[in-house]
Amino acid sequence: MSMLDEFKEFAMRGNVLDLAVGVIMGAAFAPIVSTLVDNIVMPPVGALMAGVDFSSLAVGLPTGTDPVLIKYGLFLNAIIKFFITAFAIFLLVKGVNSMKKPAPVVAAPPPPASEMYLKEIRDLLAKR
């Protein structure tokens, strides 16, 4: 089998295609979550916290001429975006799982006739 055939077989597996669709959907979903957090979620949170703009929160480290900024506000925004994305994916997976049909319940097969005869004999002996 040539390397091209092996790659074709690998690329056409269901898991690889599912992963590709997931990556594309994630890339398309990222700007939506980013806009949601930056423009809808964070302004009310900032207003509740006395008008704090999280994206501008930083700690400056003095290094001579220009301070080095540790922008922890952007980190907080990224954490909130992560949790919103994770929650949305959880809801998506939960919805897909609820649409799956449950496996049909298979009744146990009846016991063999010899076992039924042995039970009858046991019951007759117990009556004695």
C-alpha atoms as a PDB file:
ATOM      1  CA  MET A   1       0.000   0.000   0.000  1.00  0.00           C
ATOM      2  CA  SER A   2       1.507   3.305  -0.998  1.00  0.00           C
ATOM      3  CA  MET A   3       1.840   6.267   1.325  1.00  0.00           C
ATOM      4  CA  LEU A   4      -0.805   8.167  -0.655  1.00  0.00           C
ATOM      5  CA  ASP A   5      -3.301   5.324  -0.215  1.00  0.00           C
ATOM      6  CA  GLU A   6      -2.563   5.158   3.515  1.00  0.00           C
ATOM      7  CA  PHE A   7      -3.062   8.909   3.868  1.00  0.00           C
ATOM      8  CA  LYS A   8      -6.318   8.735   1.901  1.00  0.00           C
ATOM      9  CA  GLU A   9      -7.579   5.950   4.180  1.00  0.00           C
ATOM     10  CA  PHE A  10      -6.561   7.942   7.263  1.00  0.00           C
ATOM     11  CA  ALA A  11      -8.156  11.175   6.041  1.00  0.00           C
ATOM     12  CA  MET A  12     -11.440   9.509   5.144  1.00  0.00           C
ATOM     13  CA  ARG A  13     -12.032   7.982   8.555  1.00  0.00           C
ATOM     14  CA  GLY A  14     -15.093   9.283  10.336  1.00  0.00           C
ATOM     15  CA  ASN A  15     -13.157  10.624  13.329  1.00  0.00           C
ATOM     16  CA  VAL A  16     -10.891  12.777  11.179  1.00  0.00           C
ATOM     17  CA  LEU A  17     -13.839  14.279   9.323  1.00  0.00           C
ATOM     18  CA  ASP A  18     -15.676  14.895  12.601  1.00  0.00           C
ATOM     19  CA  LEU A  19     -12.601  16.608  13.988  1.00  0.00           C
ATOM     20  CA  ALA A  20     -12.307  18.807  10.897  1.00  0.00           C
ATOM     21  CA  VAL A  21     -15.952  19.845  11.176  1.00  0.00           C
ATOM     22  CA  GLY A  22     -15.456  20.565  14.881  1.00  0.00           C
ATOM     23  CA  VAL A  23     -12.422  22.743  14.263  1.00  0.00           C
ATOM     24  CA  ILE A  24     -14.195  24.714  11.530  1.00  0.00           C
ATOM     25  CA  MET A  25     -17.294  25.185  13.693  1.00  0.00           C
ATOM     26  CA  GLY A  26     -15.122  26.240  16.635  1.00  0.00           C
ATOM     27  CA  ALA A  27     -13.327  28.804  14.496  1.00  0.00           C
ATOM     28  CA  ALA A  28     -16.668  30.157  13.293  1.00  0.00           C
ATOM     29  CA  PHE A  29     -18.084  30.165  16.829  1.00  0.00           C
ATOM     30  CA  ALA A  30     -15.122  32.006  18.411  1.00  0.00           C
ATOM     31  CA  PRO A  31     -15.978  35.524  17.126  1.00  0.00           C
ATOM     32  CA  ILE A  32     -19.578  35.110  18.274  1.00  0.00           C
ATOM     33  CA  VAL A  33     -18.489  34.239  21.809  1.00  0.00           C
ATOM     34  CA  SER A  34     -15.885  37.005  21.771  1.00  0.00           C
ATOM     35  CA  THR A  35     -18.476  39.597  20.777  1.00  0.00           C
ATOM     36  CA  LEU A  36     -20.931  38.244  23.339  1.00  0.00           C
ATOM     37  CA  VAL A  37     -18.421  38.512  26.170  1.00  0.00           C
ATOM     38  CA  ASP A  38     -16.899  41.855  25.155  1.00  0.00           C
ATOM     39  CA  ASN A  39     -20.124  43.700  24.311  1.00  0.00           C
ATOM     40  CA  ILE A  40     -22.927  42.057  26.261  1.00  0.00           C
ATOM     41  CA  VAL A  41     -21.597  40.205  29.318  1.00  0.00           C
ATOM     42  CA  MET A  42     -18.669  42.333  30.478  1.00  0.00           C
ATOM     43  CA  PRO A  43     -20.261  45.827  30.412  1.00  0.00           C
ATOM     44  CA  PRO A  44     -22.937  44.925  33.007  1.00  0.00           C
ATOM     45  CA  VAL A  45     -20.352  43.058  35.091  1.00  0.00           C
ATOM     46  CA  GLY A  46     -18.084  46.100  34.927  1.00  0.00           C
ATOM     47  CA  ALA A  47     -21.009  48.369  35.858  1.00  0.00           C
ATOM     48  CA  LEU A  48     -21.790  46.186  38.875  1.00  0.00           C
ATOM     49  CA  MET A  49     -18.162  46.538  39.919  1.00  0.00           C
ATOM     50  CA  ALA A  50     -18.231  50.365  39.970  1.00  0.00           C
ATOM     51  CA  GLY A  51     -17.584  50.919  36.265  1.00  0.00           C
ATOM     52  CA  VAL A  52     -14.479  48.758  35.957  1.00  0.00           C
ATOM     53  CA  ASP A  53     -13.465  47.930  32.374  1.00  0.00           C
ATOM     54  CA  PHE A  54     -11.927  44.472  32.631  1.00  0.00           C
ATOM     55  CA  SER A  55      -9.986  44.763  29.389  1.00  0.00           C
ATOM     56  CA  SER A  56      -8.000  47.697  30.776  1.00  0.00           C
ATOM     57  CA  LEU A  57      -7.057  46.084  34.098  1.00  0.00           C
ATOM     58  CA  ALA A  58      -3.298  45.692  34.373  1.00  0.00           C
ATOM     59  CA  VAL A  59      -0.434  45.783  36.811  1.00  0.00           C
ATOM     60  CA  GLY A  60       2.667  47.719  35.833  1.00  0.00           C
ATOM     61  CA  LEU A  61       6.145  46.479  36.666  1.00  0.00           C
ATOM     62  CA  PRO A  62       8.734  49.254  36.820  1.00  0.00           C
ATOM     63  CA  THR A  63      11.640  48.467  34.497  1.00  0.00           C
ATOM     64  CA  GLY A  64      13.392  51.770  34.095  1.00  0.00           C
ATOM     65  CA  THR A  65      11.959  53.765  31.200  1.00  0.00           C
ATOM     66  CA  ASP A  66       8.830  51.866  30.127  1.00  0.00           C
ATOM     67  CA  PRO A  67       6.737  49.828  32.550  1.00  0.00           C
ATOM     68  CA  VAL A  68       5.909  46.250  31.647  1.00  0.00           C
ATOM     69  CA  LEU A  69       2.155  45.650  31.925  1.00  0.00           C
ATOM     70  CA  ILE A  70       0.655  42.423  33.141  1.00  0.00           C
ATOM     71  CA  LYS A  71      -2.820  42.638  31.609  1.00  0.00           C
ATOM     72  CA  TYR A  72      -4.814  40.358  33.868  1.00  0.00           C
ATOM     73  CA  GLY A  73      -8.103  41.944  32.732  1.00  0.00           C
ATOM     74  CA  LEU A  74      -7.680  40.426  29.288  1.00  0.00           C
ATOM     75  CA  PHE A  75      -6.981  37.109  30.990  1.00  0.00           C
ATOM     76  CA  LEU A  76     -10.255  37.405  32.944  1.00  0.00           C
ATOM     77  CA  ASN A  77     -12.094  38.099  29.658  1.00  0.00           C
ATOM     78  CA  ALA A  78     -10.504  35.005  28.109  1.00  0.00           C
ATOM     79  CA  ILE A  79     -11.578  32.865  31.071  1.00  0.00           C
ATOM     80  CA  ILE A  80     -15.158  34.098  30.782  1.00  0.00           C
ATOM     81  CA  LYS A  81     -15.109  33.411  27.016  1.00  0.00           C
ATOM     82  CA  PHE A  82     -13.861  29.904  27.723  1.00  0.00           C
ATOM     83  CA  PHE A  83     -16.654  29.188  30.206  1.00  0.00           C
ATOM     84  CA  ILE A  84     -19.322  30.533  27.857  1.00  0.00           C
ATOM     85  CA  THR A  85     -17.932  28.427  24.997  1.00  0.00           C
ATOM     86  CA  ALA A  86     -17.717  25.326  27.193  1.00  0.00           C
ATOM     87  CA  PHE A  87     -21.289  25.834  28.393  1.00  0.00           C
ATOM     88  CA  ALA A  88     -22.561  26.290  24.837  1.00  0.00           C
ATOM     89  CA  ILE A  89     -20.799  23.110  23.717  1.00  0.00           C
ATOM     90  CA  PHE A  90     -22.211  21.279  26.752  1.00  0.00           C
ATOM     91  CA  LEU A  91     -25.720  22.366  25.769  1.00  0.00           C
ATOM     92  CA  LEU A  92     -25.094  21.314  22.169  1.00  0.00           C
ATOM     93  CA  VAL A  93     -23.846  17.859  23.159  1.00  0.00           C
ATOM     94  CA  LYS A  94     -26.688  17.458  25.652  1.00  0.00           C
ATOM     95  CA  GLY A  95     -29.221  18.350  22.934  1.00  0.00           C
ATOM     96  CA  VAL A  96     -27.693  15.913  20.448  1.00  0.00           C
ATOM     97  CA  ASN A  97     -27.633  13.150  23.065  1.00  0.00           C
ATOM     98  CA  SER A  98     -31.286  13.740  23.928  1.00  0.00           C
ATOM     99  CA  MET A  99     -32.256  13.355  20.262  1.00  0.00           C
ATOM    100  CA  LYS A 100     -30.695   9.904  20.053  1.00  0.00           C
ATOM    101  CA  LYS A 101     -33.199   7.118  20.351  1.00  0.00           C
ATOM    102  CA  PRO A 102     -32.652   4.850  23.333  1.00  0.00           C
ATOM    103  CA  ALA A 103     -31.672   1.299  22.537  1.00  0.00           C
ATOM    104  CA  PRO A 104     -34.689  -0.992  22.430  1.00  0.00           C
ATOM    105  CA  VAL A 105     -35.060  -3.180  25.478  1.00  0.00           C
ATOM    106  CA  VAL A 106     -34.560  -6.782  24.468  1.00  0.00           C
ATOM    107  CA  ALA A 107     -36.514  -9.286  26.507  1.00  0.00           C
ATOM    108  CA  ALA A 108     -34.577 -12.194  27.875  1.00  0.00           C
ATOM    109  CA  PRO A 109     -35.127 -15.373  25.863  1.00  0.00           C
ATOM    110  CA  PRO A 110     -37.321 -17.978  27.541  1.00  0.00           C
ATOM    111  CA  PRO A 111     -35.461 -20.677  29.451  1.00  0.00           C
ATOM    112  CA  PRO A 112     -34.963 -24.008  27.689  1.00  0.00           C
ATOM    113  CA  ALA A 113     -37.636 -26.656  28.108  1.00  0.00           C
ATOM    114  CA  SER A 114     -35.347 -28.879  30.210  1.00  0.00           C
ATOM    115  CA  GLU A 115     -34.990 -26.090  32.779  1.00  0.00           C
ATOM    116  CA  MET A 116     -38.768 -25.679  32.926  1.00  0.00           C
ATOM    117  CA  TYR A 117     -39.159 -29.429  33.584  1.00  0.00           C
ATOM    118  CA  LEU A 118     -36.559 -29.278  36.352  1.00  0.00           C
ATOM    119  CA  LYS A 119     -38.444 -26.398  37.994  1.00  0.00           C
ATOM    120  CA  GLU A 120     -41.700 -28.383  37.861  1.00  0.00           C
ATOM    121  CA  ILE A 121     -39.982 -31.375  39.439  1.00  0.00           C
ATOM    122  CA  ARG A 122     -38.510 -29.145  42.166  1.00  0.00           C
ATOM    123  CA  ASP A 123     -41.928 -27.647  42.919  1.00  0.00           C
ATOM    124  CA  LEU A 124     -43.535 -31.129  43.114  1.00  0.00           C
ATOM    125  CA  LEU A 125     -40.817 -32.345  45.483  1.00  0.00           C
ATOM    126  CA  ALA A 126     -41.269 -29.244  47.626  1.00  0.00           C
ATOM    127  CA  LYS A 127     -44.980 -30.001  48.047  1.00  0.00           C
ATOM    128  CA  ARG A 128     -44.264 -33.405  49.573  1.00  0.00           C
END
